[in-house]
Amino acid sequence: MKIAIVEDDINMRKSLEIAMDEYKEFEIKTFKNPKDALRALDESFELIITDINMPGMDGIEFVKALNGKYEVIIMTGNATLQRAIESIQLGVKDFLLKPFEIDTLIKAIKRADEVSKVVKKTGIIGKSIAPSAFLAKSEALTRVLSITDKAAKTDATILLLGESGVGKEVFAKYIHGNSLRAKKEFVAINMAAIPDNLIESELFGYEKGAFTDATEAKAGHFENANGGTLFLDEIAEMPYGVQAKILRALQEKEVRRLGSSKSIKIDIRIISATNANLNDKIKNGEFREDLYYRLNTIPLNIPPLRERREEVLPIAHNILVQSCQEYGFAQKAFSKDAQQQLFDYGWPGNIRELISVVQRAVILSDGDEITPESLFLESRGLR
């Protein structure tokens, strides 16, 4: 198995080289920074192990640049734990808190290898599985849903706030489904997933000949959502120049395709979401204050999963059923001890982390019962 280790600390890098030299089944190549690694990586590599805090390009930017081509294990210290949690959003299945024993890393590598083999065999990447509705009720969820139900009946813009992975799109779909626009389109767009140079054409559309590759006219997301709801996720990642055009579209209730001189009237409801502090973004000149107020008519703070523990097991069971079906396994079940561990764990990565953990346990568990050993939560060093 060919593994790339990306670590800027020379002592850590050399220590890993020496320790892993004893394992002849691994071919190790180390890099002092992500840019060097990106230049050298090819299809012969099967796994990437990377630190997060590195100069130039950090580990999160590096994982984004890898674009899902490799299994990744994140190494992190306590100071960068939140960034490790962010990596779950990018598909990273495992992270280790420094300092760790080499045996812990070896076990993580073997887990990643086994998961990778199953994924390649089935052709399923596991990103499609997610709760599509509220599967249980908790006191914290009930409180926010009481506000959500009232807001859904109006046409007011709603800003969904909360940590990464709490289920903002589930809330957005719930709002749409309980609104007067429920029979019309729900269109979701992740602002962080679209390259800056394509955002404007994706949002507003374009006419034939508007740019080199525009061989035919195309409607944008605003037009596609006409009469319904447009969900703008990760709005804090929106380029500043595009923000003014979105503000104008909301104020004038019309859009203009790239390359066109004609405006198109639109009637949409906007729901947006972010896990960033927009007030800080405004102070730093990264987000328009006027757009913030336009989007923030009704703010909804979605509580993290650790405050909604009654929901953990129902959500986990739902993911378990879906994962067994997706990967072609006979139906499995959680042991009582595994259920207790799922309930007790803090879930810093929220529902997205829960999805990742359950999917991995389905693949790695033997037999039809998932035990705590198959969850590998203790190796994360968190509670």
Protein backbone atom coordinates (compact mmCIF):
# COMPACT_ATOMS: atom_id res chain seq x y z
CA MET A 1 0.00 0.00 0.00
CA LYS A 2 1.51 3.31 -1.07
CA ILE A 3 0.96 6.13 1.43
CA ALA A 4 1.77 9.82 1.29
CA ILE A 5 2.47 11.59 4.59
CA VAL A 6 2.22 15.39 4.50
CA GLU A 7 3.70 17.03 7.60
CA ASP A 8 5.62 20.29 7.87
CA ASP A 9 7.19 19.48 11.27
CA ILE A 10 10.47 17.75 10.42
CA ASN A 11 10.67 15.89 13.74
CA MET A 12 7.16 14.48 13.37
CA ARG A 13 7.79 13.64 9.73
CA LYS A 14 11.03 11.77 10.45
CA SER A 15 9.49 9.98 13.43
CA LEU A 16 6.69 8.66 11.25
CA GLU A 17 9.17 7.60 8.56
CA ILE A 18 11.26 5.64 11.04
CA ALA A 19 8.29 4.06 12.86
CA MET A 20 6.53 2.98 9.69
CA ASP A 21 9.69 1.62 8.08
CA GLU A 22 9.12 -1.51 10.20
CA TYR A 23 5.88 -2.24 8.32
CA LYS A 24 7.01 -3.70 5.01
CA GLU A 25 3.46 -3.80 3.62
CA PHE A 26 3.52 0.01 3.40
CA GLU A 27 5.47 2.11 0.93
CA ILE A 28 5.87 5.54 2.50
CA LYS A 29 6.56 8.83 0.74
CA THR A 30 6.75 12.00 2.84
CA PHE A 31 6.23 15.64 1.89
CA LYS A 32 6.94 18.78 3.86
CA ASN A 33 3.97 20.69 2.44
CA PRO A 34 0.75 20.06 0.46
CA LYS A 35 1.95 21.82 -2.69
CA ASP A 36 4.89 19.43 -3.04
CA ALA A 37 2.53 16.52 -2.46
CA LEU A 38 0.03 17.69 -5.09
CA ARG A 39 2.80 17.85 -7.69
CA ALA A 40 3.88 14.28 -6.95
CA LEU A 41 0.62 12.43 -6.25
CA ASP A 42 -0.57 9.99 -8.87
CA GLU A 43 -2.82 6.93 -9.11
CA SER A 44 -0.25 4.73 -7.41
CA PHE A 45 -1.00 6.34 -4.03
CA GLU A 46 -3.85 4.77 -2.04
CA LEU A 47 -3.92 6.84 1.15
CA ILE A 48 -2.99 10.35 2.32
CA ILE A 49 -2.06 11.13 5.93
CA THR A 50 -1.89 14.87 6.55
CA ASP A 51 -1.49 17.42 9.28
CA ILE A 52 -3.83 20.43 9.34
CA ASN A 53 -1.78 23.40 10.51
CA MET A 54 0.77 23.97 7.76
CA PRO A 55 2.09 27.16 6.15
CA GLY A 56 0.98 28.16 2.67
CA MET A 57 -1.79 25.63 2.08
CA ASP A 58 -3.30 24.08 5.20
CA GLY A 59 -4.66 20.56 5.52
CA ILE A 60 -8.29 21.50 4.85
CA GLU A 61 -7.38 23.33 1.64
CA PHE A 62 -5.24 20.32 0.71
CA VAL A 63 -8.15 17.90 1.21
CA LYS A 64 -10.33 20.14 -0.97
CA ALA A 65 -7.67 20.08 -3.68
CA LEU A 66 -7.59 16.26 -3.55
CA ASN A 67 -11.26 16.35 -4.56
CA GLY A 68 -12.12 12.94 -3.12
CA LYS A 69 -9.54 11.01 -5.15
CA TYR A 70 -7.89 9.43 -2.10
CA GLU A 71 -8.79 8.15 1.35
CA VAL A 72 -7.48 10.67 3.90
CA ILE A 73 -6.51 10.46 7.57
CA ILE A 74 -6.16 13.77 9.39
CA MET A 75 -3.60 14.31 12.18
CA THR A 76 -4.34 17.17 14.52
CA GLY A 77 -3.56 18.75 17.87
CA ASN A 78 -6.23 20.05 20.23
CA ALA A 79 -5.77 23.57 18.85
CA THR A 80 -6.93 22.46 15.43
CA LEU A 81 -9.65 20.01 16.49
CA GLN A 82 -12.45 22.16 15.04
CA ARG A 83 -10.70 22.11 11.68
CA ALA A 84 -10.52 18.33 11.89
CA ILE A 85 -14.26 18.30 12.38
CA GLU A 86 -14.60 20.48 9.27
CA SER A 87 -12.74 17.80 7.35
CA ILE A 88 -15.67 15.41 7.89
CA GLN A 89 -17.67 17.62 5.56
CA LEU A 90 -15.07 16.90 2.88
CA GLY A 91 -15.38 13.14 3.24
CA VAL A 92 -12.49 12.45 5.65
CA LYS A 93 -13.43 9.33 7.60
CA ASP A 94 -10.76 9.35 10.31
CA PHE A 95 -8.70 11.77 12.35
CA LEU A 96 -6.18 11.21 15.10
CA LEU A 97 -5.38 13.55 17.96
CA LYS A 98 -1.68 14.19 18.56
CA PRO A 99 0.20 12.69 20.26
CA PHE A 100 -0.78 9.16 19.26
CA GLU A 101 0.84 5.74 19.36
CA ILE A 102 2.09 4.38 16.05
CA ASP A 103 -0.14 1.33 16.60
CA THR A 104 -3.17 3.66 16.61
CA LEU A 105 -2.12 5.04 13.25
CA ILE A 106 -1.53 1.57 11.79
CA LYS A 107 -5.02 0.48 12.83
CA ALA A 108 -6.47 3.62 11.24
CA ILE A 109 -4.57 2.88 8.01
CA LYS A 110 -5.91 -0.67 7.88
CA ARG A 111 -9.44 0.57 8.50
CA ALA A 112 -9.11 3.09 5.67
CA ASP A 113 -7.76 0.38 3.37
CA GLU A 114 -10.66 -1.97 4.09
CA VAL A 115 -13.25 0.79 3.63
CA SER A 116 -11.60 1.83 0.38
CA LYS A 117 -11.76 -1.72 -1.00
CA VAL A 118 -15.50 -1.99 -0.26
CA VAL A 119 -16.21 1.44 -1.74
CA LYS A 120 -14.30 0.59 -4.93
CA LYS A 121 -16.06 -2.75 -5.19
CA THR A 122 -19.55 -1.28 -4.84
CA GLY A 123 -18.84 2.00 -6.62
CA ILE A 124 -20.66 3.83 -3.80
CA ILE A 125 -18.95 6.80 -2.15
CA GLY A 126 -21.42 7.04 0.72
CA LYS A 127 -22.22 10.73 0.44
CA SER A 128 -25.85 10.20 -0.60
CA ILE A 129 -26.93 8.78 2.73
CA ALA A 130 -28.40 11.34 5.08
CA PRO A 131 -31.56 11.75 7.15
CA SER A 132 -34.22 13.37 4.97
CA ALA A 133 -36.60 14.16 7.82
CA PHE A 134 -36.70 14.48 11.60
CA LEU A 135 -36.57 10.91 12.86
CA ALA A 136 -37.04 11.69 16.57
CA LYS A 137 -37.85 14.58 18.84
CA SER A 138 -35.77 16.19 21.55
CA GLU A 139 -36.50 19.16 23.75
CA ALA A 140 -33.97 21.29 21.88
CA LEU A 141 -35.39 20.29 18.49
CA THR A 142 -38.97 20.92 19.61
CA ARG A 143 -38.08 24.46 20.66
CA VAL A 144 -36.53 25.38 17.31
CA LEU A 145 -39.30 23.62 15.34
CA SER A 146 -41.94 25.73 17.09
CA ILE A 147 -40.32 28.82 15.57
CA THR A 148 -39.67 27.04 12.27
CA ASP A 149 -43.35 26.10 11.85
CA LYS A 150 -44.42 29.71 12.28
CA ALA A 151 -41.74 31.01 9.90
CA ALA A 152 -42.52 28.40 7.24
CA LYS A 153 -46.03 29.77 6.69
CA THR A 154 -44.64 33.17 5.70
CA ASP A 155 -42.50 34.22 2.75
CA ALA A 156 -39.84 35.78 4.96
CA THR A 157 -36.19 35.04 4.27
CA ILE A 158 -34.70 32.64 6.82
CA LEU A 159 -31.08 32.34 7.90
CA LEU A 160 -30.14 28.93 9.33
CA LEU A 161 -27.27 29.12 11.80
CA GLY A 162 -25.37 26.41 13.63
CA GLU A 163 -22.31 24.22 13.61
CA SER A 164 -21.23 22.28 10.56
CA GLY A 165 -23.16 19.07 10.09
CA VAL A 166 -26.26 19.86 12.18
CA GLY A 167 -28.65 19.28 9.29
CA LYS A 168 -29.34 22.71 7.86
CA GLU A 169 -30.54 21.34 4.52
CA VAL A 170 -32.99 19.05 6.35
CA PHE A 171 -34.41 22.17 8.01
CA ALA A 172 -34.51 24.03 4.71
CA LYS A 173 -36.48 21.21 3.05
CA TYR A 174 -38.80 21.03 6.06
CA ILE A 175 -39.51 24.77 5.78
CA HIS A 176 -40.19 24.45 2.06
CA GLY A 177 -42.44 21.42 2.57
CA ASN A 178 -44.54 23.28 5.12
CA SER A 179 -44.78 26.51 3.15
CA LEU A 180 -47.26 27.81 0.60
CA ARG A 181 -44.60 27.01 -2.02
CA ALA A 182 -44.44 23.29 -1.18
CA LYS A 183 -45.74 22.18 -4.59
CA LYS A 184 -43.08 24.20 -6.42
CA GLU A 185 -39.34 23.55 -6.82
CA PHE A 186 -36.84 23.37 -3.97
CA VAL A 187 -33.39 24.21 -5.39
CA ALA A 188 -30.29 23.86 -3.22
CA ILE A 189 -26.86 25.25 -4.03
CA ASN A 190 -23.66 25.03 -1.97
CA MET A 191 -21.79 28.28 -2.48
CA ALA A 192 -18.52 26.76 -1.24
CA ALA A 193 -18.64 23.97 -3.83
CA ILE A 194 -18.72 26.21 -6.91
CA PRO A 195 -15.54 27.84 -8.29
CA ASP A 196 -15.65 31.64 -8.00
CA ASN A 197 -15.60 32.12 -11.76
CA LEU A 198 -18.71 29.96 -12.22
CA ILE A 199 -20.94 31.18 -9.39
CA GLU A 200 -22.53 34.03 -11.34
CA SER A 201 -23.45 31.85 -14.33
CA GLU A 202 -24.75 29.10 -12.05
CA LEU A 203 -26.98 31.51 -10.14
CA PHE A 204 -28.23 33.72 -12.95
CA GLY A 205 -27.78 31.59 -16.07
CA TYR A 206 -26.41 32.68 -19.45
CA GLU A 207 -27.29 33.14 -23.09
CA LYS A 208 -25.71 31.32 -26.00
CA GLY A 209 -22.39 32.95 -26.86
CA ALA A 210 -22.08 34.77 -23.52
CA PHE A 211 -18.62 33.21 -23.14
CA THR A 212 -16.43 30.72 -24.98
CA ASP A 213 -18.10 27.50 -23.79
CA ALA A 214 -21.67 28.84 -23.83
CA THR A 215 -22.87 26.80 -26.81
CA GLU A 216 -26.49 27.09 -25.73
CA ALA A 217 -28.60 29.17 -23.34
CA LYS A 218 -29.02 27.92 -19.78
CA ALA A 219 -31.29 29.03 -16.95
CA GLY A 220 -29.68 29.72 -13.59
CA HIS A 221 -30.74 28.52 -10.15
CA PHE A 222 -32.81 31.65 -9.52
CA GLU A 223 -34.92 30.87 -12.58
CA ASN A 224 -35.12 27.17 -11.77
CA ALA A 225 -36.49 27.98 -8.32
CA ASN A 226 -39.11 30.40 -9.65
CA GLY A 227 -42.30 30.02 -7.63
CA GLY A 228 -40.51 27.87 -5.08
CA THR A 229 -37.58 28.02 -2.67
CA LEU A 230 -33.88 28.68 -3.30
CA PHE A 231 -31.58 27.35 -0.58
CA LEU A 232 -28.17 29.04 -0.49
CA ASP A 233 -25.87 26.96 1.71
CA GLU A 234 -22.47 28.17 2.97
CA ILE A 235 -23.28 31.80 2.12
CA ALA A 236 -20.22 33.04 4.01
CA GLU A 237 -18.12 31.57 1.18
CA MET A 238 -19.89 33.72 -1.42
CA PRO A 239 -17.46 36.01 -3.33
CA TYR A 240 -17.94 39.64 -2.33
CA GLY A 241 -18.56 40.76 -5.91
CA VAL A 242 -21.46 38.34 -6.34
CA GLN A 243 -23.14 39.52 -3.14
CA ALA A 244 -24.20 42.84 -4.67
CA LYS A 245 -25.85 41.05 -7.60
CA ILE A 246 -27.75 38.72 -5.28
CA LEU A 247 -28.90 41.69 -3.22
CA ARG A 248 -30.17 43.41 -6.36
CA ALA A 249 -31.99 40.24 -7.46
CA LEU A 250 -33.75 40.06 -4.11
CA GLN A 251 -34.64 43.74 -4.07
CA GLU A 252 -35.82 44.01 -7.68
CA LYS A 253 -37.21 40.45 -7.86
CA GLU A 254 -35.56 39.94 -11.20
CA VAL A 255 -32.38 38.49 -12.68
CA ARG A 256 -30.48 38.96 -15.90
CA ARG A 257 -28.64 36.10 -17.60
CA LEU A 258 -25.02 36.65 -18.58
CA GLY A 259 -24.93 38.00 -22.11
CA SER A 260 -28.52 39.22 -22.05
CA SER A 261 -29.97 42.72 -21.94
CA LYS A 262 -33.37 41.54 -20.73
CA SER A 263 -34.42 41.02 -17.12
CA ILE A 264 -36.46 38.02 -16.01
CA LYS A 265 -38.98 38.42 -13.21
CA ILE A 266 -38.67 35.90 -10.38
CA ASP A 267 -40.84 34.96 -7.42
CA ILE A 268 -38.80 32.91 -4.94
CA ARG A 269 -38.33 32.40 -1.24
CA ILE A 270 -34.72 32.48 -0.03
CA ILE A 271 -33.40 30.28 2.75
CA SER A 272 -29.69 30.59 3.48
CA ALA A 273 -27.31 28.86 5.87
CA THR A 274 -23.86 29.24 7.38
CA ASN A 275 -21.76 28.00 10.27
CA ALA A 276 -19.59 31.13 10.13
CA ASN A 277 -19.88 34.28 12.24
CA LEU A 278 -21.26 36.73 9.69
CA ASN A 279 -20.82 39.68 12.05
CA ASP A 280 -17.09 39.04 12.01
CA LYS A 281 -17.21 38.70 8.21
CA ILE A 282 -18.96 42.06 7.98
CA LYS A 283 -16.39 43.74 10.24
CA ASN A 284 -13.60 42.30 8.09
CA GLY A 285 -15.21 43.59 4.89
CA GLU A 286 -15.91 40.07 3.61
CA PHE A 287 -19.71 40.15 3.72
CA ARG A 288 -22.13 42.94 2.86
CA GLU A 289 -24.11 44.24 5.80
CA ASP A 290 -27.12 45.15 3.62
CA LEU A 291 -27.27 41.60 2.23
CA TYR A 292 -26.99 40.18 5.73
CA TYR A 293 -30.07 42.07 6.86
CA ARG A 294 -31.94 41.06 3.72
CA LEU A 295 -31.22 37.37 4.38
CA ASN A 296 -31.63 37.50 8.14
CA THR A 297 -35.32 38.38 8.53
CA ILE A 298 -35.82 35.29 10.68
CA PRO A 299 -32.67 33.68 12.13
CA LEU A 300 -32.95 30.06 13.26
CA ASN A 301 -30.20 28.66 15.47
CA ILE A 302 -30.07 24.88 15.03
CA PRO A 303 -28.73 23.17 18.17
CA PRO A 304 -25.81 20.73 17.86
CA LEU A 305 -26.39 16.99 18.15
CA ARG A 306 -24.86 16.86 21.64
CA GLU A 307 -27.86 18.92 22.81
CA ARG A 308 -30.27 16.58 20.99
CA ARG A 309 -29.11 13.22 22.35
CA GLU A 310 -32.59 11.66 22.12
CA GLU A 311 -32.22 11.85 18.35
CA VAL A 312 -28.86 10.09 18.09
CA LEU A 313 -30.00 6.45 18.12
CA PRO A 314 -33.01 6.88 15.78
CA ILE A 315 -30.80 8.75 13.29
CA ALA A 316 -28.03 6.14 13.66
CA HIS A 317 -30.50 3.30 13.05
CA ASN A 318 -31.83 5.02 9.93
CA ILE A 319 -28.30 5.46 8.57
CA LEU A 320 -27.53 1.83 9.46
CA VAL A 321 -30.50 0.52 7.46
CA GLN A 322 -29.66 2.69 4.46
CA SER A 323 -25.94 1.83 4.59
CA CYS A 324 -26.56 -1.93 4.69
CA GLN A 325 -28.80 -1.58 1.65
CA GLU A 326 -26.38 0.69 -0.21
CA TYR A 327 -23.33 -1.52 0.36
CA GLY A 328 -25.12 -4.84 -0.13
CA PHE A 329 -24.79 -6.18 3.43
CA ALA A 330 -27.37 -8.23 5.32
CA GLN A 331 -29.14 -6.06 7.87
CA LYS A 332 -27.00 -5.38 10.93
CA ALA A 333 -27.87 -4.08 14.40
CA PHE A 334 -26.09 -2.15 17.14
CA SER A 335 -25.22 -4.01 20.32
CA LYS A 336 -26.43 -2.49 23.60
CA ASP A 337 -22.90 -1.32 24.41
CA ALA A 338 -22.56 0.24 20.96
CA GLN A 339 -25.87 2.05 21.43
CA GLN A 340 -24.65 3.39 24.76
CA GLN A 341 -21.40 4.59 23.22
CA LEU A 342 -23.27 6.32 20.40
CA PHE A 343 -25.49 8.03 22.97
CA ASP A 344 -22.60 9.10 25.22
CA TYR A 345 -20.24 10.42 22.53
CA GLY A 346 -20.12 14.20 22.08
CA TRP A 347 -20.45 14.28 18.25
CA PRO A 348 -18.41 17.43 17.57
CA GLY A 349 -19.00 16.82 13.86
CA ASN A 350 -22.75 16.46 14.47
CA ILE A 351 -24.97 14.43 12.12
CA ARG A 352 -22.36 14.41 9.37
CA GLU A 353 -19.89 12.71 11.73
CA LEU A 354 -22.57 10.25 12.85
CA ILE A 355 -23.20 9.30 9.21
CA SER A 356 -19.48 8.74 8.64
CA VAL A 357 -19.04 6.63 11.78
CA VAL A 358 -22.05 4.39 11.09
CA GLN A 359 -21.13 3.86 7.43
CA ARG A 360 -17.61 2.85 8.39
CA ALA A 361 -18.91 0.51 11.13
CA VAL A 362 -21.20 -1.23 8.62
CA ILE A 363 -18.23 -1.96 6.38
CA LEU A 364 -15.75 -2.97 9.09
CA SER A 365 -17.94 -4.94 11.51
CA ASP A 366 -17.97 -8.73 11.40
CA GLY A 367 -21.26 -10.58 11.52
CA ASP A 368 -24.64 -8.95 11.97
CA GLU A 369 -23.88 -7.03 15.18
CA ILE A 370 -22.03 -3.73 15.44
CA THR A 371 -20.02 -3.50 18.66
CA PRO A 372 -18.19 -0.53 20.22
CA GLU A 373 -14.96 -1.88 18.74
CA SER A 374 -16.43 -1.39 15.25
CA LEU A 375 -17.32 2.25 15.96
CA PHE A 376 -13.70 3.25 16.74
CA LEU A 377 -14.89 6.34 18.63
CA GLU A 378 -12.35 6.00 21.42
CA SER A 379 -9.48 6.32 18.91
CA ARG A 380 -10.62 9.87 18.21
CA GLY A 381 -9.76 10.86 21.77
CA LEU A 382 -13.05 12.73 22.24
CA ARG A 383 -16.12 12.38 24.42
